[in-house]
All heavy atoms as atom14 arrays in JSON, in Angstrom:
{
  "sequence": "EAPVLFCFVARPDRDAPGWKLVAATREATGASLTE",
  "atom14_mask": [
    [1, 1, 1, 1, 1, 1, 1, 1, 1, 0, 0, 0, 0, 0],
    [1, 1, 1, 1, 1, 0, 0, 0, 0, 0, 0, 0, 0, 0],
    [1, 1, 1, 1, 1, 1, 1, 0, 0, 0, 0, 0, 0, 0],
    [1, 1, 1, 1, 1, 1, 1, 0, 0, 0, 0, 0, 0, 0],
    [1, 1, 1, 1, 1, 1, 1, 1, 0, 0, 0, 0, 0, 0],
    [1, 1, 1, 1, 1, 1, 1, 1, 1, 1, 1, 0, 0, 0],
    [1, 1, 1, 1, 1, 1, 0, 0, 0, 0, 0, 0, 0, 0],
    [1, 1, 1, 1, 1, 1, 1, 1, 1, 1, 1, 0, 0, 0],
    [1, 1, 1, 1, 1, 1, 1, 0, 0, 0, 0, 0, 0, 0],
    [1, 1, 1, 1, 1, 0, 0, 0, 0, 0, 0, 0, 0, 0],
    [1, 1, 1, 1, 1, 1, 1, 1, 1, 1, 1, 0, 0, 0],
    [1, 1, 1, 1, 1, 1, 1, 0, 0, 0, 0, 0, 0, 0],
    [1, 1, 1, 1, 1, 1, 1, 1, 0, 0, 0, 0, 0, 0],
    [1, 1, 1, 1, 1, 1, 1, 1, 1, 1, 1, 0, 0, 0],
    [1, 1, 1, 1, 1, 1, 1, 1, 0, 0, 0, 0, 0, 0],
    [1, 1, 1, 1, 1, 0, 0, 0, 0, 0, 0, 0, 0, 0],
    [1, 1, 1, 1, 1, 1, 1, 0, 0, 0, 0, 0, 0, 0],
    [1, 1, 1, 1, 0, 0, 0, 0, 0, 0, 0, 0, 0, 0],
    [1, 1, 1, 1, 1, 1, 1, 1, 1, 1, 1, 1, 1, 1],
    [1, 1, 1, 1, 1, 1, 1, 1, 1, 0, 0, 0, 0, 0],
    [1, 1, 1, 1, 1, 1, 1, 1, 0, 0, 0, 0, 0, 0],
    [1, 1, 1, 1, 1, 1, 1, 0, 0, 0, 0, 0, 0, 0],
    [1, 1, 1, 1, 1, 0, 0, 0, 0, 0, 0, 0, 0, 0],
    [1, 1, 1, 1, 1, 0, 0, 0, 0, 0, 0, 0, 0, 0],
    [1, 1, 1, 1, 1, 1, 1, 0, 0, 0, 0, 0, 0, 0],
    [1, 1, 1, 1, 1, 1, 1, 1, 1, 1, 1, 0, 0, 0],
    [1, 1, 1, 1, 1, 1, 1, 1, 1, 0, 0, 0, 0, 0],
    [1, 1, 1, 1, 1, 0, 0, 0, 0, 0, 0, 0, 0, 0],
    [1, 1, 1, 1, 1, 1, 1, 0, 0, 0, 0, 0, 0, 0],
    [1, 1, 1, 1, 0, 0, 0, 0, 0, 0, 0, 0, 0, 0],
    [1, 1, 1, 1, 1, 0, 0, 0, 0, 0, 0, 0, 0, 0],
    [1, 1, 1, 1, 1, 1, 0, 0, 0, 0, 0, 0, 0, 0],
    [1, 1, 1, 1, 1, 1, 1, 1, 0, 0, 0, 0, 0, 0],
    [1, 1, 1, 1, 1, 1, 1, 0, 0, 0, 0, 0, 0, 0],
    [1, 1, 1, 1, 1, 1, 1, 1, 1, 0, 0, 0, 0, 0]
  ],
  "atom14_positions": [
    [[-4.38, -4.24, 13.7], [-5.29, -4.77, 14.73], [-5.29, -6.33, 14.78], [-5.72, -6.9, 15.77], [-6.71, -4.26, 14.51], [-6.81, -2.76, 14.46], [-8.13, -2.34, 13.88], [-9.03, -3.19, 13.67], [-8.31, -1.07, 13.63], [0.0, 0.0, 0.0], [0.0, 0.0, 0.0], [0.0, 0.0, 0.0], [0.0, 0.0, 0.0], [0.0, 0.0, 0.0]],
    [[-4.92, -6.94, 13.66], [-5.12, -8.45, 13.59], [-4.0, -9.01, 12.71], [-3.34, -8.28, 11.96], [-6.46, -8.77, 12.97], [0.0, 0.0, 0.0], [0.0, 0.0, 0.0], [0.0, 0.0, 0.0], [0.0, 0.0, 0.0], [0.0, 0.0, 0.0], [0.0, 0.0, 0.0], [0.0, 0.0, 0.0], [0.0, 0.0, 0.0], [0.0, 0.0, 0.0]],
    [[-3.72, -10.33, 12.81], [-2.67, -10.91, 11.9], [-3.16, -11.03, 10.43], [-3.41, -12.12, 9.92], [-2.52, -12.33, 12.59], [-3.78, -12.6, 13.23], [-4.37, -11.33, 13.72], [0.0, 0.0, 0.0], [0.0, 0.0, 0.0], [0.0, 0.0, 0.0], [0.0, 0.0, 0.0], [0.0, 0.0, 0.0], [0.0, 0.0, 0.0], [0.0, 0.0, 0.0]],
    [[-3.23, -9.83, 9.84], [-3.6, -9.75, 8.44], [-2.47, -9.03, 7.73], [-1.97, -8.02, 8.14], [-4.92, -8.94, 8.29], [-5.3, -8.81, 6.78], [-6.08, -9.59, 9.0], [0.0, 0.0, 0.0], [0.0, 0.0, 0.0], [0.0, 0.0, 0.0], [0.0, 0.0, 0.0], [0.0, 0.0, 0.0], [0.0, 0.0, 0.0], [0.0, 0.0, 0.0]],
    [[-2.04, -9.63, 6.57], [-1.01, -9.07, 5.76], [-1.59, -8.69, 4.42], [-2.08, -9.47, 3.73], [0.14, -10.05, 5.57], [1.21, -9.7, 4.48], [1.87, -8.33, 4.75], [2.2, -10.81, 4.46], [0.0, 0.0, 0.0], [0.0, 0.0, 0.0], [0.0, 0.0, 0.0], [0.0, 0.0, 0.0], [0.0, 0.0, 0.0], [0.0, 0.0, 0.0]],
    [[-1.61, -7.34, 4.11], [-2.04, -6.83, 2.86], [-0.8, -6.74, 1.93], [0.15, -6.08, 2.29], [-2.7, -5.52, 2.94], [-4.03, -5.48, 3.63], [-4.15, -5.34, 4.96], [-5.24, -5.65, 2.9], [-5.37, -5.32, 5.61], [-6.41, -5.66, 3.51], [-6.54, -5.51, 4.91], [0.0, 0.0, 0.0], [0.0, 0.0, 0.0], [0.0, 0.0, 0.0]],
    [[-0.82, -7.31, 0.75], [0.26, -7.25, -0.18], [-0.29, -6.74, -1.5], [-1.1, -7.39, -2.19], [0.92, -8.57, -0.43], [2.3, -8.54, -1.6], [0.0, 0.0, 0.0], [0.0, 0.0, 0.0], [0.0, 0.0, 0.0], [0.0, 0.0, 0.0], [0.0, 0.0, 0.0], [0.0, 0.0, 0.0], [0.0, 0.0, 0.0], [0.0, 0.0, 0.0]],
    [[0.13, -5.51, -1.86], [-0.36, -4.85, -3.13], [0.75, -4.98, -4.17], [1.89, -4.63, -3.93], [-0.72, -3.43, -2.9], [-1.8, -3.23, -1.9], [-1.51, -2.71, -0.59], [-3.1, -3.6, -2.2], [-2.54, -2.54, 0.27], [-4.14, -3.46, -1.3], [-3.82, -2.92, -0.04], [0.0, 0.0, 0.0], [0.0, 0.0, 0.0], [0.0, 0.0, 0.0]],
    [[0.33, -5.48, -5.35], [1.34, -5.71, -6.42], [0.93, -4.76, -7.64], [-0.22, -4.78, -7.99], [1.35, -7.15, -6.93], [2.39, -7.37, -7.99], [1.55, -8.07, -5.71], [0.0, 0.0, 0.0], [0.0, 0.0, 0.0], [0.0, 0.0, 0.0], [0.0, 0.0, 0.0], [0.0, 0.0, 0.0], [0.0, 0.0, 0.0], [0.0, 0.0, 0.0]],
    [[1.82, -3.98, -8.08], [1.49, -2.98, -9.06], [2.66, -2.67, -9.98], [3.83, -2.82, -9.66], [1.07, -1.66, -8.36], [0.0, 0.0, 0.0], [0.0, 0.0, 0.0], [0.0, 0.0, 0.0], [0.0, 0.0, 0.0], [0.0, 0.0, 0.0], [0.0, 0.0, 0.0], [0.0, 0.0, 0.0], [0.0, 0.0, 0.0], [0.0, 0.0, 0.0]],
    [[2.29, -2.09, -11.11], [3.26, -1.43, -12.02], [3.4, 0.04, -11.49], [2.51, 0.55, -10.86], [2.77, -1.42, -13.47], [2.63, -2.83, -14.01], [2.08, -2.77, -15.45], [1.83, -4.12, -15.98], [1.27, -4.37, -17.17], [0.88, -3.38, -17.94], [1.09, -5.62, -17.58], [0.0, 0.0, 0.0], [0.0, 0.0, 0.0], [0.0, 0.0, 0.0]],
    [[4.53, 0.65, -11.78], [4.71, 2.07, -11.27], [3.97, 3.09, -12.06], [4.51, 3.99, -12.66], [6.24, 2.26, -11.44], [6.63, 1.31, -12.56], [5.7, 0.13, -12.47], [0.0, 0.0, 0.0], [0.0, 0.0, 0.0], [0.0, 0.0, 0.0], [0.0, 0.0, 0.0], [0.0, 0.0, 0.0], [0.0, 0.0, 0.0], [0.0, 0.0, 0.0]],
    [[2.62, 2.95, -12.08], [1.75, 3.84, -12.76], [1.06, 4.76, -11.73], [0.01, 4.48, -11.26], [0.74, 3.13, -13.64], [-0.06, 4.02, -14.52], [0.09, 5.29, -14.41], [-0.93, 3.5, -15.29], [0.0, 0.0, 0.0], [0.0, 0.0, 0.0], [0.0, 0.0, 0.0], [0.0, 0.0, 0.0], [0.0, 0.0, 0.0], [0.0, 0.0, 0.0]],
    [[1.75, 5.88, -11.4], [1.23, 6.71, -10.33], [0.02, 7.47, -10.66], [-0.59, 8.08, -9.76], [2.43, 7.66, -9.88], [3.5, 6.83, -9.18], [4.79, 7.72, -9.06], [5.76, 6.97, -8.27], [6.51, 5.95, -8.71], [6.37, 5.63, -9.97], [7.4, 5.38, -7.95], [0.0, 0.0, 0.0], [0.0, 0.0, 0.0], [0.0, 0.0, 0.0]],
    [[-0.4, 7.51, -11.88], [-1.65, 8.17, -12.28], [-2.88, 7.33, -12.25], [-3.98, 7.79, -12.41], [-1.49, 8.84, -13.67], [-0.4, 9.89, -13.73], [-0.24, 10.62, -12.72], [0.21, 10.1, -14.77], [0.0, 0.0, 0.0], [0.0, 0.0, 0.0], [0.0, 0.0, 0.0], [0.0, 0.0, 0.0], [0.0, 0.0, 0.0], [0.0, 0.0, 0.0]],
    [[-2.63, 6.03, -12.07], [-3.8, 5.09, -12.05], [-4.57, 5.23, -10.76], [-3.99, 5.49, -9.65], [-3.27, 3.71, -12.19], [0.0, 0.0, 0.0], [0.0, 0.0, 0.0], [0.0, 0.0, 0.0], [0.0, 0.0, 0.0], [0.0, 0.0, 0.0], [0.0, 0.0, 0.0], [0.0, 0.0, 0.0], [0.0, 0.0, 0.0], [0.0, 0.0, 0.0]],
    [[-5.9, 5.01, -10.71], [-6.68, 5.11, -9.51], [-6.22, 4.18, -8.47], [-6.2, 4.5, -7.24], [-8.08, 4.74, -10.02], [-8.12, 5.05, -11.43], [-6.78, 4.78, -11.98], [0.0, 0.0, 0.0], [0.0, 0.0, 0.0], [0.0, 0.0, 0.0], [0.0, 0.0, 0.0], [0.0, 0.0, 0.0], [0.0, 0.0, 0.0], [0.0, 0.0, 0.0]],
    [[-5.68, 3.01, -8.83], [-5.19, 2.02, -7.84], [-4.0, 2.46, -7.05], [-3.68, 1.89, -5.98], [0.0, 0.0, 0.0], [0.0, 0.0, 0.0], [0.0, 0.0, 0.0], [0.0, 0.0, 0.0], [0.0, 0.0, 0.0], [0.0, 0.0, 0.0], [0.0, 0.0, 0.0], [0.0, 0.0, 0.0], [0.0, 0.0, 0.0], [0.0, 0.0, 0.0]],
    [[-3.25, 3.48, -7.64], [-2.07, 3.94, -6.91], [-2.4, 4.6, -5.58], [-1.58, 4.67, -4.71], [-1.27, 4.9, -7.79], [0.14, 5.15, -7.29], [0.56, 6.26, -6.53], [1.22, 4.33, -7.39], [1.84, 6.05, -6.21], [2.32, 4.9, -6.73], [1.44, 3.04, -8.0], [3.56, 4.33, -6.65], [2.68, 2.48, -7.91], [3.78, 3.05, -7.22]],
    [[-3.67, 5.01, -5.41], [-4.14, 5.55, -4.12], [-3.89, 4.54, -3.03], [-3.68, 4.84, -1.91], [-5.58, 5.93, -4.25], [-5.84, 7.15, -5.09], [-7.33, 7.32, -5.28], [-8.1, 7.5, -3.99], [-9.55, 7.68, -4.21], [0.0, 0.0, 0.0], [0.0, 0.0, 0.0], [0.0, 0.0, 0.0], [0.0, 0.0, 0.0], [0.0, 0.0, 0.0]],
    [[-4.02, 3.26, -3.35], [-3.79, 2.18, -2.35], [-2.34, 2.23, -1.83], [-2.12, 2.01, -0.64], [-4.09, 0.83, -2.92], [-5.55, 0.4, -2.98], [-5.71, -0.83, -3.83], [-6.09, 0.17, -1.52], [0.0, 0.0, 0.0], [0.0, 0.0, 0.0], [0.0, 0.0, 0.0], [0.0, 0.0, 0.0], [0.0, 0.0, 0.0], [0.0, 0.0, 0.0]],
    [[-1.41, 2.46, -2.68], [-0.03, 2.57, -2.27], [0.17, 3.67, -1.31], [0.77, 3.54, -0.23], [0.92, 2.67, -3.49], [2.38, 2.8, -3.03], [0.77, 1.44, -4.37], [0.0, 0.0, 0.0], [0.0, 0.0, 0.0], [0.0, 0.0, 0.0], [0.0, 0.0, 0.0], [0.0, 0.0, 0.0], [0.0, 0.0, 0.0], [0.0, 0.0, 0.0]],
    [[-0.34, 4.87, -1.7], [-0.2, 6.0, -0.84], [-0.91, 5.82, 0.48], [-0.41, 6.18, 1.54], [-0.72, 7.29, -1.55], [0.0, 0.0, 0.0], [0.0, 0.0, 0.0], [0.0, 0.0, 0.0], [0.0, 0.0, 0.0], [0.0, 0.0, 0.0], [0.0, 0.0, 0.0], [0.0, 0.0, 0.0], [0.0, 0.0, 0.0], [0.0, 0.0, 0.0]],
    [[-2.09, 5.27, 0.48], [-2.87, 5.07, 1.66], [-2.2, 3.98, 2.56], [-2.25, 4.15, 3.81], [-4.31, 4.61, 1.37], [0.0, 0.0, 0.0], [0.0, 0.0, 0.0], [0.0, 0.0, 0.0], [0.0, 0.0, 0.0], [0.0, 0.0, 0.0], [0.0, 0.0, 0.0], [0.0, 0.0, 0.0], [0.0, 0.0, 0.0], [0.0, 0.0, 0.0]],
    [[-1.57, 3.0, 1.97], [-0.9, 1.97, 2.75], [0.31, 2.63, 3.51], [0.54, 2.28, 4.65], [-0.44, 0.85, 1.85], [-1.54, 0.26, 1.15], [0.25, -0.24, 2.64], [0.0, 0.0, 0.0], [0.0, 0.0, 0.0], [0.0, 0.0, 0.0], [0.0, 0.0, 0.0], [0.0, 0.0, 0.0], [0.0, 0.0, 0.0], [0.0, 0.0, 0.0]],
    [[1.04, 3.45, 2.83], [2.16, 4.11, 3.47], [1.7, 4.91, 4.68], [2.34, 4.93, 5.74], [2.85, 5.01, 2.47], [3.63, 4.3, 1.37], [4.07, 5.26, 0.3], [4.86, 4.56, -0.73], [5.06, 5.09, -1.94], [4.5, 6.21, -2.29], [5.86, 4.42, -2.83], [0.0, 0.0, 0.0], [0.0, 0.0, 0.0], [0.0, 0.0, 0.0]],
    [[0.55, 5.54, 4.51], [0.03, 6.38, 5.6], [-0.54, 5.59, 6.75], [-0.36, 5.92, 7.92], [-1.0, 7.39, 5.09], [-1.59, 8.37, 6.1], [-2.63, 9.29, 5.52], [-2.59, 9.45, 4.23], [-3.36, 9.93, 6.26], [0.0, 0.0, 0.0], [0.0, 0.0, 0.0], [0.0, 0.0, 0.0], [0.0, 0.0, 0.0], [0.0, 0.0, 0.0]],
    [[-1.22, 4.51, 6.43], [-1.99, 3.74, 7.45], [-1.06, 2.84, 8.27], [-1.31, 2.56, 9.43], [-3.09, 2.92, 6.79], [0.0, 0.0, 0.0], [0.0, 0.0, 0.0], [0.0, 0.0, 0.0], [0.0, 0.0, 0.0], [0.0, 0.0, 0.0], [0.0, 0.0, 0.0], [0.0, 0.0, 0.0], [0.0, 0.0, 0.0], [0.0, 0.0, 0.0]],
    [[0.01, 2.25, 7.6], [0.79, 1.26, 8.28], [2.16, 1.72, 8.74], [2.77, 1.06, 9.6], [0.96, 0.05, 7.36], [1.59, 0.46, 6.14], [-0.36, -0.58, 7.0], [0.0, 0.0, 0.0], [0.0, 0.0, 0.0], [0.0, 0.0, 0.0], [0.0, 0.0, 0.0], [0.0, 0.0, 0.0], [0.0, 0.0, 0.0], [0.0, 0.0, 0.0]],
    [[2.71, 2.82, 8.2], [3.89, 3.34, 8.64], [5.06, 2.34, 8.61], [5.41, 1.82, 7.61], [0.0, 0.0, 0.0], [0.0, 0.0, 0.0], [0.0, 0.0, 0.0], [0.0, 0.0, 0.0], [0.0, 0.0, 0.0], [0.0, 0.0, 0.0], [0.0, 0.0, 0.0], [0.0, 0.0, 0.0], [0.0, 0.0, 0.0], [0.0, 0.0, 0.0]],
    [[5.65, 2.13, 9.79], [6.8, 1.22, 9.92], [6.48, -0.2, 9.61], [7.36, -1.02, 9.42], [7.42, 1.37, 11.31], [0.0, 0.0, 0.0], [0.0, 0.0, 0.0], [0.0, 0.0, 0.0], [0.0, 0.0, 0.0], [0.0, 0.0, 0.0], [0.0, 0.0, 0.0], [0.0, 0.0, 0.0], [0.0, 0.0, 0.0], [0.0, 0.0, 0.0]],
    [[5.21, -0.54, 9.63], [4.79, -1.92, 9.33], [4.84, -2.21, 7.84], [4.58, -3.35, 7.45], [3.38, -2.19, 9.92], [3.36, -1.99, 11.3], [0.0, 0.0, 0.0], [0.0, 0.0, 0.0], [0.0, 0.0, 0.0], [0.0, 0.0, 0.0], [0.0, 0.0, 0.0], [0.0, 0.0, 0.0], [0.0, 0.0, 0.0], [0.0, 0.0, 0.0]],
    [[5.13, -1.23, 7.05], [5.07, -1.43, 5.55], [6.44, -1.82, 5.04], [7.45, -1.26, 5.37], [4.62, -0.13, 4.9], [4.62, -0.12, 3.36], [3.65, -1.12, 2.81], [4.39, 1.28, 2.82], [0.0, 0.0, 0.0], [0.0, 0.0, 0.0], [0.0, 0.0, 0.0], [0.0, 0.0, 0.0], [0.0, 0.0, 0.0], [0.0, 0.0, 0.0]],
    [[6.4, -2.84, 4.18], [7.66, -3.23, 3.44], [7.45, -2.94, 1.98], [6.45, -3.37, 1.33], [7.89, -4.75, 3.64], [8.15, -4.97, 4.97], [9.12, -5.15, 2.82], [0.0, 0.0, 0.0], [0.0, 0.0, 0.0], [0.0, 0.0, 0.0], [0.0, 0.0, 0.0], [0.0, 0.0, 0.0], [0.0, 0.0, 0.0], [0.0, 0.0, 0.0]],
    [[8.28, -2.08, 1.39], [8.19, -1.75, -0.03], [9.32, -2.45, -0.77], [10.51, -2.37, -0.39], [8.3, -0.26, -0.26], [7.11, 0.52, 0.29], [7.02, 1.92, -0.27], [7.15, 2.1, -1.51], [6.85, 2.91, 0.51], [0.0, 0.0, 0.0], [0.0, 0.0, 0.0], [0.0, 0.0, 0.0], [0.0, 0.0, 0.0], [0.0, 0.0, 0.0]]
  ]
}
């Protein structure tokens, strides 16, 4: 909706609570996501 860039930096720890952000980002931004 706006010129906002979210950049999440993480270790590949898929069991950590913060990993939900990675999964949610993939779902919310789709083609706008750069991994």
